[in-house]
Full PDB file with SEQRES, HELIX, SHEET, SSBOND, CRYST1, ORIGX, SCALE, CONECT and MASTER records, all heavy atoms in Angstrom:
SEQRES   1 A   34  SER ASP LYS PRO LYS ALA ASP SER ALA LYS THR GLY ASP          
SEQRES   2 A   34  GLY PHE SER GLY SER PHE ALA ALA LEU LEU ILE LEU VAL          
SEQRES   3 A   34  SER VAL LEU GLY MET LEU SER VAL                              
HELIX    1 AA1 ASP A    2  SER A   33  1                                  32    
CRYST1    1.000    1.000    1.000  90.00  90.00  90.00 P 1           1          
ORIGX1      1.000000  0.000000  0.000000        0.00000                         
ORIGX2      0.000000  1.000000  0.000000        0.00000                         
ORIGX3      0.000000  0.000000  1.000000        0.00000                         
SCALE1      1.000000  0.000000  0.000000        0.00000                         
SCALE2      0.000000  1.000000  0.000000        0.00000                         
SCALE3      0.000000  0.000000  1.000000        0.00000                         
ATOM      1  N   SER A   1      -4.533  34.249   2.790  1.00  0.00           N  
ATOM      2  CA  SER A   1      -3.298  33.845   3.476  1.00  0.00           C  
ATOM      3  C   SER A   1      -3.527  32.645   4.370  1.00  0.00           C  
ATOM      4  O   SER A   1      -2.571  32.007   4.788  1.00  0.00           O  
ATOM      5  CB  SER A   1      -2.763  35.003   4.318  1.00  0.00           C  
ATOM      6  OG  SER A   1      -3.721  35.360   5.314  1.00  0.00           O  
ATOM      7  N   ASP A   2      -4.792  32.280   4.672  1.00  0.00           N  
ATOM      8  CA  ASP A   2      -5.053  31.109   5.506  1.00  0.00           C  
ATOM      9  C   ASP A   2      -4.755  29.818   4.767  1.00  0.00           C  
ATOM     10  O   ASP A   2      -4.438  28.802   5.375  1.00  0.00           O  
ATOM     11  CB  ASP A   2      -6.515  31.098   5.952  1.00  0.00           C  
ATOM     12  CG  ASP A   2      -6.750  32.152   7.020  1.00  0.00           C  
ATOM     13  OD1 ASP A   2      -5.749  32.618   7.587  1.00  0.00           O  
ATOM     14  OD2 ASP A   2      -7.932  32.501   7.248  1.00  0.00           O  
ATOM     15  N   LYS A   3      -4.853  29.809   3.462  1.00  0.00           N  
ATOM     16  CA  LYS A   3      -4.640  28.580   2.697  1.00  0.00           C  
ATOM     17  C   LYS A   3      -3.233  28.028   2.852  1.00  0.00           C  
ATOM     18  O   LYS A   3      -3.053  26.863   3.134  1.00  0.00           O  
ATOM     19  CB  LYS A   3      -4.973  28.811   1.235  1.00  0.00           C  
ATOM     20  CG  LYS A   3      -6.461  29.042   1.019  1.00  0.00           C  
ATOM     21  CD  LYS A   3      -6.767  29.201  -0.455  1.00  0.00           C  
ATOM     22  CE  LYS A   3      -8.263  29.409  -0.645  1.00  0.00           C  
ATOM     23  NZ  LYS A   3      -8.598  29.572  -2.072  1.00  0.00           N  
ATOM     24  N   PRO A   4      -2.214  28.877   2.710  1.00  0.00           N  
ATOM     25  CA  PRO A   4      -0.857  28.345   2.939  1.00  0.00           C  
ATOM     26  C   PRO A   4      -0.691  27.821   4.366  1.00  0.00           C  
ATOM     27  O   PRO A   4      -0.017  26.846   4.592  1.00  0.00           O  
ATOM     28  CB  PRO A   4       0.044  29.550   2.678  1.00  0.00           C  
ATOM     29  CG  PRO A   4      -0.758  30.413   1.773  1.00  0.00           C  
ATOM     30  CD  PRO A   4      -2.164  30.230   2.194  1.00  0.00           C  
ATOM     31  N   LYS A   5      -1.341  28.491   5.328  1.00  0.00           N  
ATOM     32  CA  LYS A   5      -1.237  28.021   6.710  1.00  0.00           C  
ATOM     33  C   LYS A   5      -1.840  26.647   6.850  1.00  0.00           C  
ATOM     34  O   LYS A   5      -1.316  25.793   7.536  1.00  0.00           O  
ATOM     35  CB  LYS A   5      -1.950  29.004   7.637  1.00  0.00           C  
ATOM     36  CG  LYS A   5      -1.224  30.319   7.799  1.00  0.00           C  
ATOM     37  CD  LYS A   5      -1.948  31.202   8.762  1.00  0.00           C  
ATOM     38  CE  LYS A   5      -1.214  32.536   8.921  1.00  0.00           C  
ATOM     39  NZ  LYS A   5      -1.918  33.440   9.843  1.00  0.00           N  
ATOM     40  N   ALA A   6      -2.959  26.424   6.194  1.00  0.00           N  
ATOM     41  CA  ALA A   6      -3.577  25.108   6.255  1.00  0.00           C  
ATOM     42  C   ALA A   6      -2.670  24.068   5.644  1.00  0.00           C  
ATOM     43  O   ALA A   6      -2.518  22.962   6.165  1.00  0.00           O  
ATOM     44  CB  ALA A   6      -4.922  25.138   5.540  1.00  0.00           C  
ATOM     45  N   ASP A   7      -2.016  24.399   4.538  1.00  0.00           N  
ATOM     46  CA  ASP A   7      -1.083  23.467   3.890  1.00  0.00           C  
ATOM     47  C   ASP A   7       0.081  23.176   4.812  1.00  0.00           C  
ATOM     48  O   ASP A   7       0.561  22.043   4.910  1.00  0.00           O  
ATOM     49  CB  ASP A   7      -0.586  24.056   2.571  1.00  0.00           C  
ATOM     50  CG  ASP A   7      -1.732  24.172   1.573  1.00  0.00           C  
ATOM     51  OD1 ASP A   7      -2.754  23.476   1.765  1.00  0.00           O  
ATOM     52  OD2 ASP A   7      -1.599  24.982   0.617  1.00  0.00           O  
ATOM     53  N   SER A   8       0.534  24.266   5.472  1.00  0.00           N  
ATOM     54  CA  SER A   8       1.665  24.084   6.392  1.00  0.00           C  
ATOM     55  C   SER A   8       1.289  23.150   7.522  1.00  0.00           C  
ATOM     56  O   SER A   8       2.088  22.319   7.963  1.00  0.00           O  
ATOM     57  CB  SER A   8       2.107  25.435   6.960  1.00  0.00           C  
ATOM     58  OG  SER A   8       2.513  26.276   5.909  1.00  0.00           O  
ATOM     59  N   ALA A   9       0.061  23.257   8.031  1.00  0.00           N  
ATOM     60  CA  ALA A   9      -0.377  22.404   9.143  1.00  0.00           C  
ATOM     61  C   ALA A   9      -0.413  20.961   8.709  1.00  0.00           C  
ATOM     62  O   ALA A   9       0.006  20.057   9.413  1.00  0.00           O  
ATOM     63  CB  ALA A   9      -1.745  22.835   9.637  1.00  0.00           C  
ATOM     64  N   LYS A  10      -0.892  20.751   7.476  1.00  0.00           N  
ATOM     65  CA  LYS A  10      -0.918  19.375   6.974  1.00  0.00           C  
ATOM     66  C   LYS A  10       0.486  18.815   6.834  1.00  0.00           C  
ATOM     67  O   LYS A  10       0.752  17.666   7.158  1.00  0.00           O  
ATOM     68  CB  LYS A  10      -1.639  19.334   5.639  1.00  0.00           C  
ATOM     69  CG  LYS A  10      -3.130  19.606   5.750  1.00  0.00           C  
ATOM     70  CD  LYS A  10      -3.775  19.568   4.389  1.00  0.00           C  
ATOM     71  CE  LYS A  10      -5.265  19.850   4.496  1.00  0.00           C  
ATOM     72  NZ  LYS A  10      -5.917  19.825   3.171  1.00  0.00           N  
ATOM     73  N   THR A  11       1.434  19.609   6.371  1.00  0.00           N  
ATOM     74  CA  THR A  11       2.821  19.164   6.227  1.00  0.00           C  
ATOM     75  C   THR A  11       3.418  18.821   7.572  1.00  0.00           C  
ATOM     76  O   THR A  11       4.133  17.835   7.745  1.00  0.00           O  
ATOM     77  CB  THR A  11       3.657  20.248   5.537  1.00  0.00           C  
ATOM     78  OG1 THR A  11       3.035  20.585   4.308  1.00  0.00           O  
ATOM     79  CG2 THR A  11       5.074  19.787   5.288  1.00  0.00           C  
ATOM     80  N   GLY A  12       3.142  19.615   8.577  1.00  0.00           N  
ATOM     81  CA  GLY A  12       3.659  19.356   9.923  1.00  0.00           C  
ATOM     82  C   GLY A  12       3.123  18.063  10.492  1.00  0.00           C  
ATOM     83  O   GLY A  12       3.843  17.297  11.135  1.00  0.00           O  
ATOM     84  N   ASP A  13       1.861  17.740  10.249  1.00  0.00           N  
ATOM     85  CA  ASP A  13       1.277  16.488  10.735  1.00  0.00           C  
ATOM     86  C   ASP A  13       1.952  15.296  10.109  1.00  0.00           C  
ATOM     87  O   ASP A  13       2.265  14.293  10.784  1.00  0.00           O  
ATOM     88  CB  ASP A  13      -0.227  16.472  10.402  1.00  0.00           C  
ATOM     89  CG  ASP A  13      -0.981  17.508  11.225  1.00  0.00           C  
ATOM     90  OD1 ASP A  13      -0.415  17.969  12.237  1.00  0.00           O  
ATOM     91  OD2 ASP A  13      -2.117  17.868  10.825  1.00  0.00           O  
ATOM     92  N   GLY A  14       2.269  15.393   8.822  1.00  0.00           N  
ATOM     93  CA  GLY A  14       2.957  14.287   8.154  1.00  0.00           C  
ATOM     94  C   GLY A  14       4.350  14.081   8.729  1.00  0.00           C  
ATOM     95  O   GLY A  14       4.811  12.963   8.934  1.00  0.00           O  
ATOM     96  N   PHE A  15       5.009  15.218   8.991  1.00  0.00           N  
ATOM     97  CA  PHE A  15       6.368  15.119   9.546  1.00  0.00           C  
ATOM     98  C   PHE A  15       6.351  14.514  10.942  1.00  0.00           C  
ATOM     99  O   PHE A  15       7.212  13.685  11.291  1.00  0.00           O  
ATOM    100  CB  PHE A  15       6.999  16.506   9.566  1.00  0.00           C  
ATOM    101  CG  PHE A  15       8.388  16.532  10.160  1.00  0.00           C  
ATOM    102  CD1 PHE A  15       9.492  16.048   9.458  1.00  0.00           C  
ATOM    103  CD2 PHE A  15       8.573  17.005  11.454  1.00  0.00           C  
ATOM    104  CE1 PHE A  15      10.739  16.080  10.027  1.00  0.00           C  
ATOM    105  CE2 PHE A  15       9.824  17.038  12.017  1.00  0.00           C  
ATOM    106  CZ  PHE A  15      10.924  16.580  11.310  1.00  0.00           C  
ATOM    107  N   SER A  16       5.372  14.898  11.758  1.00  0.00           N  
ATOM    108  CA  SER A  16       5.289  14.365  13.126  1.00  0.00           C  
ATOM    109  C   SER A  16       5.044  12.871  13.120  1.00  0.00           C  
ATOM    110  O   SER A  16       5.620  12.110  13.935  1.00  0.00           O  
ATOM    111  CB  SER A  16       4.166  15.079  13.884  1.00  0.00           C  
ATOM    112  OG  SER A  16       4.437  16.465  13.958  1.00  0.00           O  
ATOM    113  N   GLY A  17       4.217  12.371  12.210  1.00  0.00           N  
ATOM    114  CA  GLY A  17       3.938  10.930  12.123  1.00  0.00           C  
ATOM    115  C   GLY A  17       5.179  10.148  11.750  1.00  0.00           C  
ATOM    116  O   GLY A  17       5.463   9.086  12.324  1.00  0.00           O  
ATOM    117  N   SER A  18       5.934  10.645  10.801  1.00  0.00           N  
ATOM    118  CA  SER A  18       7.160   9.943  10.369  1.00  0.00           C  
ATOM    119  C   SER A  18       8.190   9.905  11.491  1.00  0.00           C  
ATOM    120  O   SER A  18       8.889   8.898  11.699  1.00  0.00           O  
ATOM    121  CB  SER A  18       7.748  10.640   9.142  1.00  0.00           C  
ATOM    122  OG  SER A  18       6.813  10.632   8.084  1.00  0.00           O  
ATOM    123  N   PHE A  19       8.273  11.056  12.213  1.00  0.00           N  
ATOM    124  CA  PHE A  19       9.241  11.130  13.308  1.00  0.00           C  
ATOM    125  C   PHE A  19       8.888  10.145  14.429  1.00  0.00           C  
ATOM    126  O   PHE A  19       9.774   9.475  15.001  1.00  0.00           O  
ATOM    127  CB  PHE A  19       9.276  12.554  13.847  1.00  0.00           C  
ATOM    128  CG  PHE A  19      10.306  12.757  14.929  1.00  0.00           C  
ATOM    129  CD1 PHE A  19      11.675  12.752  14.627  1.00  0.00           C  
ATOM    130  CD2 PHE A  19       9.911  12.937  16.243  1.00  0.00           C  
ATOM    131  CE1 PHE A  19      12.603  12.937  15.631  1.00  0.00           C  
ATOM    132  CE2 PHE A  19      10.856  13.107  17.249  1.00  0.00           C  
ATOM    133  CZ  PHE A  19      12.200  13.126  16.954  1.00  0.00           C  
ATOM    134  N   ALA A  20       7.604   9.964  14.686  1.00  0.00           N  
ATOM    135  CA  ALA A  20       7.175   9.009  15.732  1.00  0.00           C  
ATOM    136  C   ALA A  20       7.507   7.584  15.337  1.00  0.00           C  
ATOM    137  O   ALA A  20       7.953   6.760  16.165  1.00  0.00           O  
ATOM    138  CB  ALA A  20       5.681   9.185  15.981  1.00  0.00           C  
ATOM    139  N   ALA A  21       7.265   7.281  14.033  1.00  0.00           N  
ATOM    140  CA  ALA A  21       7.576   5.920  13.553  1.00  0.00           C  
ATOM    141  C   ALA A  21       9.072   5.634  13.675  1.00  0.00           C  
ATOM    142  O   ALA A  21       9.502   4.511  14.031  1.00  0.00           O  
ATOM    143  CB  ALA A  21       7.093   5.767  12.110  1.00  0.00           C  
ATOM    144  N   LEU A  22       9.880   6.669  13.382  1.00  0.00           N  
ATOM    145  CA  LEU A  22      11.335   6.502  13.476  1.00  0.00           C  
ATOM    146  C   LEU A  22      11.767   6.246  14.916  1.00  0.00           C  
ATOM    147  O   LEU A  22      12.641   5.397  15.189  1.00  0.00           O  
ATOM    148  CB  LEU A  22      12.020   7.747  12.909  1.00  0.00           C  
ATOM    149  CG  LEU A  22      13.548   7.739  12.920  1.00  0.00           C  
ATOM    150  CD1 LEU A  22      14.086   6.580  12.051  1.00  0.00           C  
ATOM    151  CD2 LEU A  22      14.087   9.063  12.403  1.00  0.00           C  
ATOM    152  N   LEU A  23      11.126   6.985  15.844  1.00  0.00           N  
ATOM    153  CA  LEU A  23      11.455   6.773  17.258  1.00  0.00           C  
ATOM    154  C   LEU A  23      11.113   5.361  17.716  1.00  0.00           C  
ATOM    155  O   LEU A  23      11.865   4.721  18.475  1.00  0.00           O  
ATOM    156  CB  LEU A  23      10.703   7.806  18.115  1.00  0.00           C  
ATOM    157  CG  LEU A  23      11.202   9.261  18.019  1.00  0.00           C  
ATOM    158  CD1 LEU A  23      10.323  10.167  18.861  1.00  0.00           C  
ATOM    159  CD2 LEU A  23      12.658   9.358  18.488  1.00  0.00           C  
ATOM    160  N   ILE A  24       9.961   4.876  17.244  1.00  0.00           N  
ATOM    161  CA  ILE A  24       9.561   3.506  17.616  1.00  0.00           C  
ATOM    162  C   ILE A  24      10.566   2.491  17.083  1.00  0.00           C  
ATOM    163  O   ILE A  24      10.975   1.533  17.778  1.00  0.00           O  
ATOM    164  CB  ILE A  24       8.153   3.200  17.101  1.00  0.00           C  
ATOM    165  CG1 ILE A  24       7.127   4.070  17.852  1.00  0.00           C  
ATOM    166  CG2 ILE A  24       7.803   1.725  17.252  1.00  0.00           C  
ATOM    167  CD1 ILE A  24       5.749   3.989  17.277  1.00  0.00           C  
ATOM    168  N   LEU A  25      10.998   2.717  15.830  1.00  0.00           N  
ATOM    169  CA  LEU A  25      11.972   1.799  15.227  1.00  0.00           C  
ATOM    170  C   LEU A  25      13.281   1.805  15.981  1.00  0.00           C  
ATOM    171  O   LEU A  25      13.897   0.747  16.250  1.00  0.00           O  
ATOM    172  CB  LEU A  25      12.186   2.192  13.756  1.00  0.00           C  
ATOM    173  CG  LEU A  25      13.173   1.324  12.969  1.00  0.00           C  
ATOM    174  CD1 LEU A  25      12.696  -0.147  12.935  1.00  0.00           C  
ATOM    175  CD2 LEU A  25      13.341   1.860  11.559  1.00  0.00           C  
ATOM    176  N   VAL A  26      13.713   3.036  16.321  1.00  0.00           N  
ATOM    177  CA  VAL A  26      14.971   3.147  17.078  1.00  0.00           C  
ATOM    178  C   VAL A  26      14.850   2.456  18.436  1.00  0.00           C  
ATOM    179  O   VAL A  26      15.778   1.766  18.933  1.00  0.00           O  
ATOM    180  CB  VAL A  26      15.353   4.626  17.244  1.00  0.00           C  
ATOM    181  CG1 VAL A  26      16.527   4.764  18.195  1.00  0.00           C  
ATOM    182  CG2 VAL A  26      15.706   5.226  15.886  1.00  0.00           C  
ATOM    183  N   SER A  27      13.688   2.628  19.075  1.00  0.00           N  
ATOM    184  CA  SER A  27      13.484   2.001  20.395  1.00  0.00           C  
ATOM    185  C   SER A  27      13.531   0.487  20.292  1.00  0.00           C  
ATOM    186  O   SER A  27      14.131  -0.210  21.148  1.00  0.00           O  
ATOM    187  CB  SER A  27      12.126   2.451  20.971  1.00  0.00           C  
ATOM    188  OG  SER A  27      12.104   3.852  21.151  1.00  0.00           O  
ATOM    189  N   VAL A  28      12.885  -0.024  19.238  1.00  0.00           N  
ATOM    190  CA  VAL A  28      12.873  -1.488  19.059  1.00  0.00           C  
ATOM    191  C   VAL A  28      14.285  -2.006  18.826  1.00  0.00           C  
ATOM    192  O   VAL A  28      14.727  -3.027  19.403  1.00  0.00           O  
ATOM    193  CB  VAL A  28      11.941  -1.859  17.887  1.00  0.00           C  
ATOM    194  CG1 VAL A  28      12.102  -3.345  17.533  1.00  0.00           C  
ATOM    195  CG2 VAL A  28      10.494  -1.555  18.237  1.00  0.00           C  
ATOM    196  N   LEU A  29      15.018  -1.268  17.969  1.00  0.00           N  
ATOM    197  CA  LEU A  29      16.394  -1.682  17.693  1.00  0.00           C  
ATOM    198  C   LEU A  29      17.245  -1.618  18.969  1.00  0.00           C  
ATOM    199  O   LEU A  29      18.116  -2.470  19.215  1.00  0.00           O  
ATOM    200  CB  LEU A  29      17.002  -0.796  16.596  1.00  0.00           C  
ATOM    201  CG  LEU A  29      16.415  -0.990  15.172  1.00  0.00           C  
ATOM    202  CD1 LEU A  29      17.026   0.017  14.228  1.00  0.00           C  
ATOM    203  CD2 LEU A  29      16.696  -2.419  14.701  1.00  0.00           C  
ATOM    204  N   GLY A  30      16.955  -0.552  19.766  1.00  0.00           N  
ATOM    205  CA  GLY A  30      17.721  -0.436  21.011  1.00  0.00           C  
ATOM    206  C   GLY A  30      17.431  -1.579  21.971  1.00  0.00           C  
ATOM    207  O   GLY A  30      18.349  -2.139  22.613  1.00  0.00           O  
ATOM    208  N   MET A  31      16.150  -1.963  22.038  1.00  0.00           N  
ATOM    209  CA  MET A  31      15.776  -3.069  22.917  1.00  0.00           C  
ATOM    210  C   MET A  31      16.391  -4.368  22.430  1.00  0.00           C  
ATOM    211  O   MET A  31      16.872  -5.191  23.228  1.00  0.00           O  
ATOM    212  CB  MET A  31      14.249  -3.175  22.961  1.00  0.00           C  
ATOM    213  CG  MET A  31      13.579  -2.006  23.675  1.00  0.00           C  
ATOM    214  SD  MET A  31      11.787  -2.113  23.608  1.00  0.00           S  
ATOM    215  CE  MET A  31      11.538  -3.627  24.520  1.00  0.00           C  
ATOM    216  N   LEU A  32      16.389  -4.564  21.106  1.00  0.00           N  
ATOM    217  CA  LEU A  32      16.990  -5.780  20.560  1.00  0.00           C  
ATOM    218  C   LEU A  32      18.489  -5.827  20.850  1.00  0.00           C  
ATOM    219  O   LEU A  32      19.072  -6.906  21.155  1.00  0.00           O  
ATOM    220  CB  LEU A  32      16.728  -5.847  19.056  1.00  0.00           C  
ATOM    221  CG  LEU A  32      15.265  -6.102  18.628  1.00  0.00           C  
ATOM    222  CD1 LEU A  32      15.140  -6.027  17.104  1.00  0.00           C  
ATOM    223  CD2 LEU A  32      14.800  -7.471  19.132  1.00  0.00           C  
ATOM    224  N   SER A  33      19.110  -4.640  20.728  1.00  0.00           N  
ATOM    225  CA  SER A  33      20.566  -4.596  20.986  1.00  0.00           C  
ATOM    226  C   SER A  33      20.866  -4.943  22.441  1.00  0.00           C  
ATOM    227  O   SER A  33      21.815  -5.698  22.759  1.00  0.00           O  
ATOM    228  CB  SER A  33      21.114  -3.205  20.652  1.00  0.00           C  
ATOM    229  OG  SER A  33      20.915  -2.917  19.282  1.00  0.00           O  
ATOM    230  N   VAL A  34      20.075  -4.410  23.338  1.00  0.00           N  
ATOM    231  CA  VAL A  34      20.297  -4.687  24.772  1.00  0.00           C  
ATOM    232  C   VAL A  34      20.089  -6.168  25.057  1.00  0.00           C  
ATOM    233  O   VAL A  34      20.857  -6.821  25.803  1.00  0.00           O  
ATOM    234  CB  VAL A  34      19.342  -3.827  25.621  1.00  0.00           C  
ATOM    235  CG1 VAL A  34      19.410  -4.257  27.082  1.00  0.00           C  
ATOM    236  CG2 VAL A  34      19.709  -2.365  25.490  1.00  0.00           C  
TER     237      VAL A  34                                                      
MASTER        0    0    0    1    0    0    0    6  236    1    0    3          
END                                                                             
C-alpha cells in the first residue's frame, strides 16, 4: 500500500510546481497591469 502513496506524493509535487508558476505569472501580469 506504500507504492500508491509514493505515486500520490509525486503527483502532489508536480501540482504544487505548476500552481507556483501560475501564481508567478499572475503576479507579473498584475504588476504589468498596474
